[in-house]
Amino acid sequence: MSLLPAATRLALAMGVLLCGSTALVLRADEAPDPLGEKTGGATTVYATGKNAFSFPLANLDDPGRTRFVIGNSFFKRNWVEAPASTTARDGLGPHFIARACAGCHVLDGRGEPPEWKNTLGPEPEGTVALLMRLSVAGTPDPKSGVRPDPVYGDQFNNAAIQGVKPEGRVEIRQQAISGRFADGTRYTLQKPIYKLTDLAYGPFAPGLMVSPRIAPQIAGIGLLEAIPDTEILRNAREQAAAPGPIKGQPNRVWDVFAKEERIGRFGWKANVATIAHQTAGAFHGDMGITSSAFPHETCTPAQKDCLAAPHGGGKTTGRDGIVPAASANELKPEIDDETLGHVIFYQATLAPAARRNVKDAQVLRGQALFAQAQCATCHRPSYVTAEGPFPPLTSPALKNQRIWPYTDLLLHDMGPDLADGRPDFLASGTQWKTPPLWGVGLIKDVNGHTRLMHDGRANGVLEAILWHGGEAQASKEQVLKMKKADRSALVKFVESL
């Protein structure tokens, strides 16, 4: 007779279901960790509390730890306006939404949306962790995946340096959406409705599309980058071949460092392929910091004050202090390649925290229900990272690790209630990338809230499930039929990840 508890035997017996259409067969060397307690294999840290997302990979060598500390400094400290005596950290703006990477990713964690009926405007009002992507209809730029608004670009910036006007304000209100579970228990979801006001540079182009995005937690993203492309494509193939509505698709995006199209795996619509591109793009779009990858300020021709603003890398000015387009190549990057590399390395080597309570009977019951509801078809539990080679800015500590992120990194149609109506490369206006679930249960410890989904509209795991639609409608309906005890077990399992 097995000495394992009955709940443990049940979870292990459902090993194939745990991966939905991608059957997970554990190798002999994984037998000591069949429930994925070590979320990142040898990189895993056993951490809880406020700093749970901020530790380096457990197997990172000493030179790597030194570089991690340097990157951490540039990630967390504020950048300042130019000119400044702090030349290594000047160049903020002209338009921006945050003064530091950590302004959005507080303690390397998840951003919190502002209170409903609030306004995002010039600092210090509101929060910087929620941003608004912009685009208009028409042929997209092949390197950005969208067609920007001609006046406000591809992102709405509600803060600016001295002498430059913020682009405007974001007003947020809520709409209540009520429902009930099969057992009669009622629930109410709050749908945020956004309005962009006090526009500084005139009206938007007709047909503007707006997509809100909250900053996600970033521990473990280096391991996500190390998942082989073949595994992401395998997820899509197996879902396409399986019966049922779940048919995930990879996004294919331009990577500014590789200078080629790659499979997207970061961002809420998988619209970025690498940590390097994501980091340089965030410096550029969120803080107004130029780099060799993104050498031009985000100012559009209509934003004369933005164009005339001081540049942290030094610039050649033309008539009226405005840099002519012909002089753009004379601008020096505001963040040099070495410093940018340290910040990329820091993020790539943030460790995922180990699971908690993996043998708890309620957690194991929830794990079985997670499989039964086919949640694991999209939230694929496990992968083995690549053997290498890795880009020069990442670490060999990431290679050949059994990891448990719970994502397929594919795009899925999530239905009209979540649709933003805004395409992004191959992603449609109803599609979103399956977010990884590891670390979800630690967000409250780290960031003091439990706001989930792409704009933080869901307050906790159960509300996040209730927002699911489209390809995930059948899974949501199974949850709606669950008894209260089973719903609690399902939530407890997800919060153990």
Protein backbone atom coordinates (compact mmCIF):
# COMPACT_ATOMS: atom_id res chain seq x y z
CA MET A 1 0.00 0.00 0.00
CA SER A 2 1.25 3.49 -0.84
CA LEU A 3 2.40 5.54 2.13
CA LEU A 4 1.47 8.79 0.34
CA PRO A 5 -1.61 10.65 1.60
CA ALA A 6 -4.75 10.06 -0.45
CA ALA A 7 -4.83 13.66 -1.70
CA THR A 8 -1.23 13.37 -2.89
CA ARG A 9 -2.00 10.14 -4.73
CA LEU A 10 -4.99 11.85 -6.39
CA ALA A 11 -2.88 14.76 -7.61
CA LEU A 12 -0.13 12.49 -8.94
CA ALA A 13 -2.65 10.22 -10.62
CA MET A 14 -3.84 13.27 -12.55
CA GLY A 15 -0.35 14.03 -13.85
CA VAL A 16 -1.42 13.91 -17.48
CA LEU A 17 -4.41 16.19 -16.83
CA LEU A 18 -2.21 18.68 -15.02
CA CYS A 19 -0.84 19.72 -18.37
CA GLY A 20 -4.12 19.52 -20.24
CA SER A 21 -3.30 18.66 -23.83
CA THR A 22 0.44 18.69 -23.11
CA ALA A 23 0.98 15.56 -21.08
CA LEU A 24 3.69 16.02 -18.49
CA VAL A 25 5.87 12.98 -17.90
CA LEU A 26 8.26 13.43 -15.00
CA ARG A 27 11.79 12.16 -15.51
CA ALA A 28 13.52 10.05 -12.88
CA ASP A 29 15.60 13.00 -11.67
CA GLU A 30 12.41 14.98 -11.02
CA ALA A 31 10.84 12.40 -8.73
CA PRO A 32 11.87 14.24 -5.53
CA ASP A 33 9.80 17.28 -6.65
CA PRO A 34 6.67 15.89 -8.33
CA LEU A 35 4.45 18.75 -7.12
CA GLY A 36 6.74 21.54 -8.32
CA GLU A 37 7.78 22.92 -4.95
CA LYS A 38 11.04 24.13 -6.52
CA THR A 39 9.39 26.44 -9.04
CA GLY A 40 12.66 27.27 -10.74
CA GLY A 41 14.64 24.09 -10.18
CA ALA A 42 18.10 24.87 -8.80
CA THR A 43 17.41 28.61 -9.18
CA THR A 44 14.58 28.51 -6.61
CA VAL A 45 14.74 30.55 -3.40
CA TYR A 46 12.71 29.76 -0.28
CA ALA A 47 11.36 33.22 0.44
CA THR A 48 8.19 34.84 1.70
CA GLY A 49 7.38 38.34 2.91
CA LYS A 50 7.98 41.74 1.39
CA ASN A 51 11.21 40.86 -0.44
CA ALA A 52 10.10 37.49 -1.81
CA PHE A 53 10.54 38.59 -5.47
CA SER A 54 13.89 40.35 -5.00
CA PHE A 55 16.46 37.58 -4.52
CA PRO A 56 19.02 36.46 -7.13
CA LEU A 57 18.93 32.96 -8.59
CA ALA A 58 19.98 30.53 -5.88
CA ASN A 59 22.64 29.01 -8.15
CA LEU A 60 24.06 32.32 -9.40
CA ASP A 61 27.85 32.54 -9.12
CA ASP A 62 29.72 35.31 -7.26
CA PRO A 63 30.50 37.46 -10.35
CA GLY A 64 26.84 37.17 -11.29
CA ARG A 65 25.75 38.29 -7.81
CA THR A 66 27.99 41.35 -8.09
CA ARG A 67 26.44 42.26 -11.40
CA PHE A 68 22.98 41.60 -9.93
CA VAL A 69 23.63 44.21 -7.22
CA ILE A 70 24.78 46.80 -9.78
CA GLY A 71 21.71 46.19 -11.93
CA ASN A 72 19.49 46.41 -8.89
CA SER A 73 20.83 49.89 -8.15
CA PHE A 74 19.96 51.23 -11.60
CA PHE A 75 16.60 49.43 -11.56
CA LYS A 76 15.42 50.88 -8.26
CA ARG A 77 16.82 54.41 -8.02
CA ASN A 78 15.11 57.40 -9.60
CA TRP A 79 16.37 58.97 -12.79
CA VAL A 80 16.49 62.78 -12.92
CA GLU A 81 16.04 65.53 -15.46
CA ALA A 82 18.96 66.69 -17.57
CA PRO A 83 21.23 68.51 -17.16
CA ALA A 84 22.23 67.22 -13.72
CA SER A 85 25.37 66.56 -11.73
CA THR A 86 24.34 62.88 -11.61
CA THR A 87 25.25 62.26 -15.23
CA ALA A 88 24.91 58.47 -14.93
CA ARG A 89 21.21 58.84 -14.08
CA ASP A 90 20.03 61.91 -15.93
CA GLY A 91 17.85 62.12 -19.02
CA LEU A 92 14.39 61.51 -17.54
CA GLY A 93 11.57 62.42 -19.93
CA PRO A 94 10.63 64.76 -21.53
CA HIS A 95 7.40 62.72 -21.14
CA PHE A 96 7.25 59.78 -18.76
CA ILE A 97 5.03 57.80 -16.39
CA ALA A 98 7.69 56.66 -13.88
CA ARG A 99 11.05 57.88 -12.58
CA ALA A 100 12.46 54.38 -12.05
CA CYS A 101 11.81 50.81 -13.16
CA ALA A 102 10.82 50.10 -9.56
CA GLY A 103 8.21 52.85 -9.75
CA CYS A 104 6.02 50.41 -11.68
CA HIS A 105 7.52 47.11 -10.45
CA VAL A 106 7.55 47.96 -6.74
CA LEU A 107 9.83 45.48 -4.94
CA ASP A 108 10.03 43.63 -8.28
CA GLY A 109 6.34 42.91 -7.88
CA ARG A 110 2.99 43.72 -9.42
CA GLY A 111 1.60 47.20 -9.82
CA GLU A 112 -1.65 48.24 -8.20
CA PRO A 113 -4.27 50.21 -10.13
CA PRO A 114 -5.56 53.44 -8.58
CA GLU A 115 -8.75 53.56 -6.60
CA TRP A 116 -11.87 53.65 -8.77
CA LYS A 117 -13.26 57.10 -9.49
CA ASN A 118 -9.68 58.35 -9.36
CA THR A 119 -7.63 60.24 -11.90
CA LEU A 120 -4.15 59.57 -13.21
CA GLY A 121 -2.53 62.92 -13.81
CA PRO A 122 0.78 64.66 -13.26
CA GLU A 123 2.70 63.37 -10.27
CA PRO A 124 2.06 62.77 -7.40
CA GLU A 125 -1.55 61.87 -8.21
CA GLY A 126 -2.59 58.30 -8.87
CA THR A 127 -0.24 55.45 -9.64
CA VAL A 128 2.49 55.00 -12.21
CA ALA A 129 2.02 51.24 -12.55
CA LEU A 130 -0.94 51.48 -14.94
CA LEU A 131 -0.22 52.73 -18.45
CA MET A 132 -2.32 53.26 -21.55
CA ARG A 133 -1.18 51.89 -24.90
CA LEU A 134 -2.42 53.83 -27.93
CA SER A 135 -2.84 53.10 -31.62
CA VAL A 136 -5.05 53.89 -34.58
CA ALA A 137 -6.42 51.81 -37.41
CA GLY A 138 -4.30 51.25 -40.48
CA THR A 139 -1.21 49.40 -41.59
CA PRO A 140 0.98 48.83 -38.51
CA ASP A 141 4.66 49.59 -38.27
CA PRO A 142 6.32 46.17 -38.73
CA LYS A 143 8.80 46.94 -35.94
CA SER A 144 6.29 48.13 -33.34
CA GLY A 145 3.29 46.03 -34.30
CA VAL A 146 0.89 48.99 -34.20
CA ARG A 147 0.18 52.28 -35.93
CA PRO A 148 0.77 55.02 -33.33
CA ASP A 149 -1.45 58.03 -32.87
CA PRO A 150 0.23 60.78 -34.93
CA VAL A 151 0.15 63.28 -32.02
CA TYR A 152 0.45 61.16 -28.86
CA GLY A 153 2.40 58.15 -30.15
CA ASP A 154 1.86 54.61 -28.88
CA GLN A 155 1.67 55.39 -25.15
CA PHE A 156 -0.13 58.05 -23.12
CA ASN A 157 2.27 59.77 -20.72
CA ASN A 158 0.67 61.65 -17.86
CA ALA A 159 3.88 63.17 -16.44
CA ALA A 160 6.60 65.43 -17.85
CA ILE A 161 9.71 67.34 -16.86
CA GLN A 162 9.76 71.09 -16.20
CA GLY A 163 8.84 73.16 -19.22
CA VAL A 164 7.04 70.29 -20.96
CA LYS A 165 3.30 69.65 -20.77
CA PRO A 166 2.06 66.23 -19.59
CA GLU A 167 0.06 64.65 -22.38
CA GLY A 168 -3.09 64.57 -20.25
CA ARG A 169 -4.96 62.71 -17.55
CA VAL A 170 -6.64 59.33 -17.21
CA GLU A 171 -10.07 59.26 -15.60
CA ILE A 172 -11.29 55.92 -14.27
CA ARG A 173 -14.77 54.90 -13.17
CA GLN A 174 -16.35 51.53 -12.58
CA GLN A 175 -19.30 49.53 -13.79
CA ALA A 176 -20.70 46.75 -11.59
CA ILE A 177 -21.27 43.34 -13.21
CA SER A 178 -23.23 40.89 -11.06
CA GLY A 179 -23.63 37.13 -11.24
CA ARG A 180 -24.11 34.04 -9.12
CA PHE A 181 -22.64 30.59 -8.63
CA ALA A 182 -24.76 27.47 -9.07
CA ASP A 183 -25.16 27.19 -5.29
CA GLY A 184 -26.82 30.62 -5.22
CA THR A 185 -23.86 32.61 -3.93
CA ARG A 186 -23.80 36.04 -5.54
CA TYR A 187 -20.75 37.94 -6.72
CA THR A 188 -20.06 41.39 -8.17
CA LEU A 189 -17.19 42.28 -10.49
CA GLN A 190 -16.05 45.84 -11.14
CA LYS A 191 -15.27 46.73 -14.75
CA PRO A 192 -13.02 49.79 -15.11
CA ILE A 193 -13.93 52.35 -17.76
CA TYR A 194 -11.19 54.73 -18.89
CA LYS A 195 -11.31 58.21 -20.35
CA LEU A 196 -8.31 60.27 -21.50
CA THR A 197 -8.83 63.95 -20.73
CA ASP A 198 -7.09 67.36 -20.53
CA LEU A 199 -5.23 66.63 -23.75
CA ALA A 200 -2.21 68.93 -24.04
CA TYR A 201 -1.60 68.70 -27.78
CA GLY A 202 -5.06 68.66 -29.28
CA PRO A 203 -7.40 65.80 -30.17
CA PHE A 204 -6.52 62.21 -30.89
CA ALA A 205 -6.80 60.81 -34.38
CA PRO A 206 -10.23 59.36 -35.22
CA GLY A 207 -10.75 55.76 -34.14
CA LEU A 208 -8.21 55.79 -31.32
CA MET A 209 -7.69 52.40 -29.65
CA VAL A 210 -6.66 52.37 -25.98
CA SER A 211 -5.37 49.40 -23.98
CA PRO A 212 -4.69 49.60 -20.23
CA ARG A 213 -1.73 47.58 -18.91
CA ILE A 214 -0.60 46.98 -15.31
CA ALA A 215 3.02 46.17 -14.46
CA PRO A 216 3.39 42.44 -13.60
CA GLN A 217 5.77 40.88 -11.10
CA ILE A 218 9.09 40.02 -12.75
CA ALA A 219 10.76 37.28 -10.66
CA GLY A 220 11.57 34.31 -12.89
CA ILE A 221 11.39 36.08 -16.25
CA GLY A 222 14.89 34.93 -17.20
CA LEU A 223 13.65 31.34 -16.94
CA LEU A 224 10.68 32.18 -19.16
CA GLU A 225 13.10 33.52 -21.77
CA ALA A 226 15.03 30.24 -21.52
CA ILE A 227 12.00 28.11 -22.49
CA PRO A 228 12.77 26.74 -25.97
CA ASP A 229 10.70 28.14 -28.85
CA THR A 230 9.93 24.54 -29.79
CA GLU A 231 7.95 24.10 -26.56
CA ILE A 232 5.82 27.19 -27.22
CA LEU A 233 5.11 25.96 -30.75
CA ARG A 234 4.36 22.51 -29.35
CA ASN A 235 1.71 24.05 -27.09
CA ALA A 236 0.04 25.64 -30.11
CA ARG A 237 0.21 22.44 -32.17
CA GLU A 238 -1.28 20.25 -29.48
CA GLN A 239 -4.07 22.69 -28.69
CA ALA A 240 -4.91 22.96 -32.39
CA ALA A 241 -5.12 19.17 -32.67
CA ALA A 242 -7.18 18.67 -29.50
CA PRO A 243 -10.99 18.92 -29.42
CA GLY A 244 -12.58 21.91 -27.76
CA PRO A 245 -12.35 25.70 -28.03
CA ILE A 246 -8.84 26.27 -26.65
CA LYS A 247 -6.62 27.15 -29.62
CA GLY A 248 -3.69 29.26 -28.52
CA GLN A 249 -1.47 31.05 -31.01
CA PRO A 250 2.06 32.42 -30.70
CA ASN A 251 2.68 36.07 -31.36
CA ARG A 252 5.56 36.91 -33.72
CA VAL A 253 7.24 40.21 -33.03
CA TRP A 254 10.23 42.30 -34.01
CA ASP A 255 13.19 42.19 -31.61
CA VAL A 256 15.33 45.31 -31.75
CA PHE A 257 18.49 43.54 -30.51
CA ALA A 258 18.27 40.41 -32.66
CA LYS A 259 17.07 42.55 -35.58
CA GLU A 260 14.68 39.82 -36.64
CA GLU A 261 11.20 38.49 -35.98
CA ARG A 262 10.89 36.20 -32.97
CA ILE A 263 8.20 34.49 -30.92
CA GLY A 264 6.75 36.90 -28.37
CA ARG A 265 6.68 35.86 -24.73
CA PHE A 266 6.60 39.07 -22.62
CA GLY A 267 3.94 41.74 -22.26
CA TRP A 268 0.20 41.19 -21.83
CA LYS A 269 -0.15 40.41 -25.53
CA ALA A 270 3.20 38.62 -25.91
CA ASN A 271 4.30 41.64 -27.93
CA VAL A 272 7.95 41.46 -26.83
CA ALA A 273 10.36 38.57 -27.42
CA THR A 274 13.27 39.23 -25.05
CA ILE A 275 14.04 40.81 -21.69
CA ALA A 276 16.59 43.04 -23.43
CA HIS A 277 13.98 44.52 -25.76
CA GLN A 278 11.41 44.80 -22.95
CA THR A 279 13.90 46.64 -20.73
CA ALA A 280 15.18 49.08 -23.33
CA GLY A 281 11.62 49.66 -24.49
CA ALA A 282 10.45 50.43 -20.94
CA PHE A 283 13.32 52.85 -20.36
CA HIS A 284 12.31 54.56 -23.60
CA GLY A 285 8.53 54.55 -23.33
CA ASP A 286 7.95 54.71 -19.57
CA MET A 287 10.81 56.98 -18.48
CA GLY A 288 11.90 58.74 -21.68
CA ILE A 289 15.45 57.36 -21.45
CA THR A 290 17.11 56.79 -24.83
CA SER A 291 19.56 53.97 -25.56
CA SER A 292 21.46 52.60 -28.53
CA ALA A 293 18.43 50.37 -29.17
CA PHE A 294 15.93 53.27 -28.99
CA PRO A 295 18.01 56.38 -29.78
CA HIS A 296 15.22 58.88 -30.47
CA GLU A 297 12.98 60.65 -27.96
CA THR A 298 9.30 59.69 -28.13
CA CYS A 299 8.29 63.28 -28.98
CA THR A 300 6.03 63.62 -32.02
CA PRO A 301 6.24 66.61 -34.42
CA ALA A 302 3.24 68.25 -32.71
CA GLN A 303 5.01 68.28 -29.32
CA LYS A 304 7.36 71.23 -29.77
CA ASP A 305 8.13 71.61 -26.06
CA CYS A 306 9.10 67.95 -25.90
CA LEU A 307 11.39 68.28 -28.89
CA ALA A 308 13.12 71.32 -27.37
CA ALA A 309 13.76 69.74 -23.96
CA PRO A 310 17.32 69.03 -22.72
CA HIS A 311 18.76 65.63 -23.58
CA GLY A 312 20.69 63.61 -20.99
CA GLY A 313 23.24 62.36 -23.50
CA GLY A 314 23.95 65.76 -24.99
CA LYS A 315 22.63 66.96 -28.32
CA THR A 316 23.17 69.30 -31.21
CA THR A 317 20.39 71.88 -31.26
CA GLY A 318 18.96 73.60 -34.27
CA ARG A 319 16.96 76.78 -34.63
CA ASP A 320 14.73 77.51 -31.61
CA GLY A 321 16.50 74.73 -29.67
CA ILE A 322 14.79 71.97 -31.64
CA VAL A 323 16.80 69.04 -32.92
CA PRO A 324 16.30 68.70 -36.68
CA ALA A 325 15.46 65.22 -37.87
CA ALA A 326 18.73 65.18 -39.79
CA SER A 327 20.64 65.53 -36.50
CA ALA A 328 18.99 62.60 -34.79
CA ASN A 329 22.00 60.35 -35.25
CA GLU A 330 24.19 62.84 -33.34
CA LEU A 331 22.33 62.20 -30.06
CA LYS A 332 24.20 60.13 -27.50
CA PRO A 333 22.20 57.50 -25.58
CA GLU A 334 21.05 58.59 -22.12
CA ILE A 335 21.73 55.09 -20.79
CA ASP A 336 24.91 53.44 -22.04
CA ASP A 337 25.06 49.82 -23.18
CA GLU A 338 26.96 48.63 -20.10
CA THR A 339 24.45 50.08 -17.64
CA LEU A 340 21.51 48.84 -19.67
CA GLY A 341 23.13 45.40 -19.71
CA HIS A 342 23.36 45.39 -15.91
CA VAL A 343 19.64 46.17 -15.60
CA ILE A 344 18.75 43.44 -18.11
CA PHE A 345 20.94 40.95 -16.23
CA TYR A 346 19.35 41.93 -12.90
CA GLN A 347 15.86 41.19 -14.15
CA ALA A 348 16.90 37.98 -15.91
CA THR A 349 18.43 36.62 -12.71
CA LEU A 350 15.59 37.39 -10.27
CA ALA A 351 14.66 34.06 -8.70
CA PRO A 352 11.19 32.56 -8.44
CA ALA A 353 10.14 31.70 -4.89
CA ALA A 354 9.33 28.13 -3.89
CA ARG A 355 5.74 27.01 -3.53
CA ARG A 356 4.19 26.88 -0.09
CA ASN A 357 1.97 24.21 1.50
CA VAL A 358 2.41 21.80 -1.39
CA LYS A 359 1.21 18.78 0.60
CA ASP A 360 -1.75 20.51 2.25
CA ALA A 361 -4.88 18.45 1.60
CA GLN A 362 -6.91 21.47 0.47
CA VAL A 363 -4.12 22.59 -1.88
CA LEU A 364 -3.93 19.11 -3.40
CA ARG A 365 -7.70 19.05 -3.84
CA GLY A 366 -7.47 22.40 -5.59
CA GLN A 367 -4.71 21.09 -7.85
CA ALA A 368 -6.95 18.25 -8.97
CA LEU A 369 -9.82 20.67 -9.60
CA PHE A 370 -7.46 22.94 -11.57
CA ALA A 371 -6.76 20.02 -13.88
CA GLN A 372 -10.39 18.92 -14.01
CA ALA A 373 -11.50 22.38 -15.16
CA GLN A 374 -8.79 22.24 -17.86
CA CYS A 375 -7.14 25.37 -16.51
CA ALA A 376 -3.79 23.65 -17.10
CA THR A 377 -4.35 23.51 -20.86
CA CYS A 378 -3.43 27.19 -21.07
CA HIS A 379 -1.61 27.43 -17.74
CA ARG A 380 0.80 24.62 -18.64
CA PRO A 381 2.61 23.76 -15.42
CA SER A 382 6.14 22.74 -16.35
CA TYR A 383 9.05 23.00 -18.78
CA VAL A 384 12.76 22.25 -18.94
CA THR A 385 14.77 25.32 -19.91
CA ALA A 386 17.19 25.19 -22.81
CA GLU A 387 20.74 23.91 -22.63
CA GLY A 388 21.91 27.16 -24.21
CA PRO A 389 23.56 29.02 -25.74
CA PHE A 390 22.15 32.10 -24.06
CA PRO A 391 22.43 35.72 -25.11
CA PRO A 392 25.52 37.36 -23.60
CA LEU A 393 23.40 39.39 -21.18
CA THR A 394 21.87 36.38 -19.40
CA SER A 395 23.35 33.65 -17.23
CA PRO A 396 24.26 29.93 -17.58
CA ALA A 397 22.54 29.46 -14.20
CA LEU A 398 19.25 29.46 -16.16
CA LYS A 399 20.00 26.43 -18.31
CA ASN A 400 18.50 22.94 -18.07
CA GLN A 401 16.17 23.69 -15.15
CA ARG A 402 12.79 22.03 -14.55
CA ILE A 403 10.54 25.04 -13.94
CA TRP A 404 6.85 25.41 -13.00
CA PRO A 405 5.55 28.75 -14.32
CA TYR A 406 1.99 27.66 -15.31
CA THR A 407 1.71 29.33 -18.73
CA ASP A 408 1.73 28.30 -22.37
CA LEU A 409 2.99 31.77 -23.49
CA LEU A 410 0.33 31.74 -26.19
CA LEU A 411 -2.40 34.19 -27.17
CA HIS A 412 -6.02 33.24 -26.43
CA ASP A 413 -9.35 34.85 -27.25
CA MET A 414 -10.68 35.76 -23.81
CA GLY A 415 -14.07 37.02 -24.90
CA PRO A 416 -15.74 40.43 -25.19
CA ASP A 417 -15.66 41.37 -21.49
CA LEU A 418 -11.86 41.49 -21.48
CA ALA A 419 -11.37 42.71 -25.05
CA ASP A 420 -9.45 45.95 -25.55
CA GLY A 421 -10.14 46.04 -29.29
CA ARG A 422 -6.49 46.84 -29.99
CA PRO A 423 -4.36 44.55 -32.21
CA ASP A 424 -0.66 44.21 -31.38
CA PHE A 425 1.49 42.42 -33.97
CA LEU A 426 -0.50 39.18 -34.54
CA ALA A 427 -2.58 39.56 -31.36
CA SER A 428 -6.18 40.52 -32.03
CA GLY A 429 -8.28 42.90 -29.97
CA THR A 430 -9.76 39.99 -27.99
CA GLN A 431 -6.56 38.02 -27.40
CA TRP A 432 -4.28 38.05 -24.34
CA LYS A 433 -1.22 36.02 -23.43
CA THR A 434 -1.64 33.42 -20.70
CA PRO A 435 0.14 35.02 -17.73
CA PRO A 436 2.39 32.78 -15.59
CA LEU A 437 0.86 31.96 -12.22
CA TRP A 438 4.01 31.41 -10.18
CA GLY A 439 4.28 33.97 -7.41
CA VAL A 440 0.57 34.91 -7.45
CA GLY A 441 0.16 33.88 -3.83
CA LEU A 442 2.99 36.19 -2.72
CA ILE A 443 1.73 39.41 -4.30
CA LYS A 444 -0.17 40.39 -1.17
CA ASP A 445 2.98 39.89 0.95
CA VAL A 446 5.14 41.89 -1.45
CA ASN A 447 2.79 44.60 -2.70
CA GLY A 448 -0.06 44.65 -0.20
CA HIS A 449 -2.85 43.93 -2.67
CA THR A 450 -4.38 41.09 -4.69
CA ARG A 451 -5.25 42.89 -7.95
CA LEU A 452 -4.92 40.62 -10.99
CA MET A 453 -5.53 40.59 -14.77
CA HIS A 454 -4.06 42.95 -17.37
CA ASP A 455 -5.34 46.12 -15.70
CA GLY A 456 -5.80 44.95 -12.13
CA ARG A 457 -9.59 44.74 -12.38
CA ALA A 458 -9.83 41.41 -10.53
CA ASN A 459 -9.54 41.48 -6.76
CA GLY A 460 -8.09 38.04 -6.13
CA VAL A 461 -7.86 34.69 -7.87
CA LEU A 462 -11.58 33.86 -7.92
CA GLU A 463 -12.51 37.19 -9.52
CA ALA A 464 -9.79 36.65 -12.12
CA ILE A 465 -11.37 33.30 -13.03
CA LEU A 466 -14.80 34.92 -13.29
CA TRP A 467 -13.48 37.41 -15.85
CA HIS A 468 -12.48 34.54 -18.16
CA GLY A 469 -14.52 34.11 -21.33
CA GLY A 470 -14.01 33.14 -24.95
CA GLU A 471 -11.79 30.08 -25.15
CA ALA A 472 -11.88 29.82 -21.34
CA GLN A 473 -15.69 30.06 -21.01
CA ALA A 474 -16.15 26.32 -20.44
CA SER A 475 -13.52 26.30 -17.70
CA LYS A 476 -15.20 29.25 -15.99
CA GLU A 477 -18.56 27.49 -16.16
CA GLN A 478 -17.07 24.49 -14.36
CA VAL A 479 -15.93 26.81 -11.58
CA LEU A 480 -19.38 28.41 -11.42
CA LYS A 481 -20.80 24.93 -10.72
CA MET A 482 -18.33 24.17 -7.93
CA LYS A 483 -19.38 24.11 -4.29
CA LYS A 484 -17.94 26.78 -2.01
CA ALA A 485 -15.43 24.33 -0.47
CA ASP A 486 -14.14 23.38 -3.90
CA ARG A 487 -13.86 27.02 -4.98
CA SER A 488 -11.84 27.71 -1.84
CA ALA A 489 -9.57 24.73 -2.57
CA LEU A 490 -8.99 25.90 -6.15
CA VAL A 491 -8.02 29.38 -4.95
CA LYS A 492 -5.76 27.95 -2.27
CA PHE A 493 -3.93 25.87 -4.87
CA VAL A 494 -3.31 28.86 -7.16
CA GLU A 495 -2.16 30.90 -4.16
CA SER A 496 0.35 28.16 -3.31
CA LEU A 497 2.17 28.72 -6.62
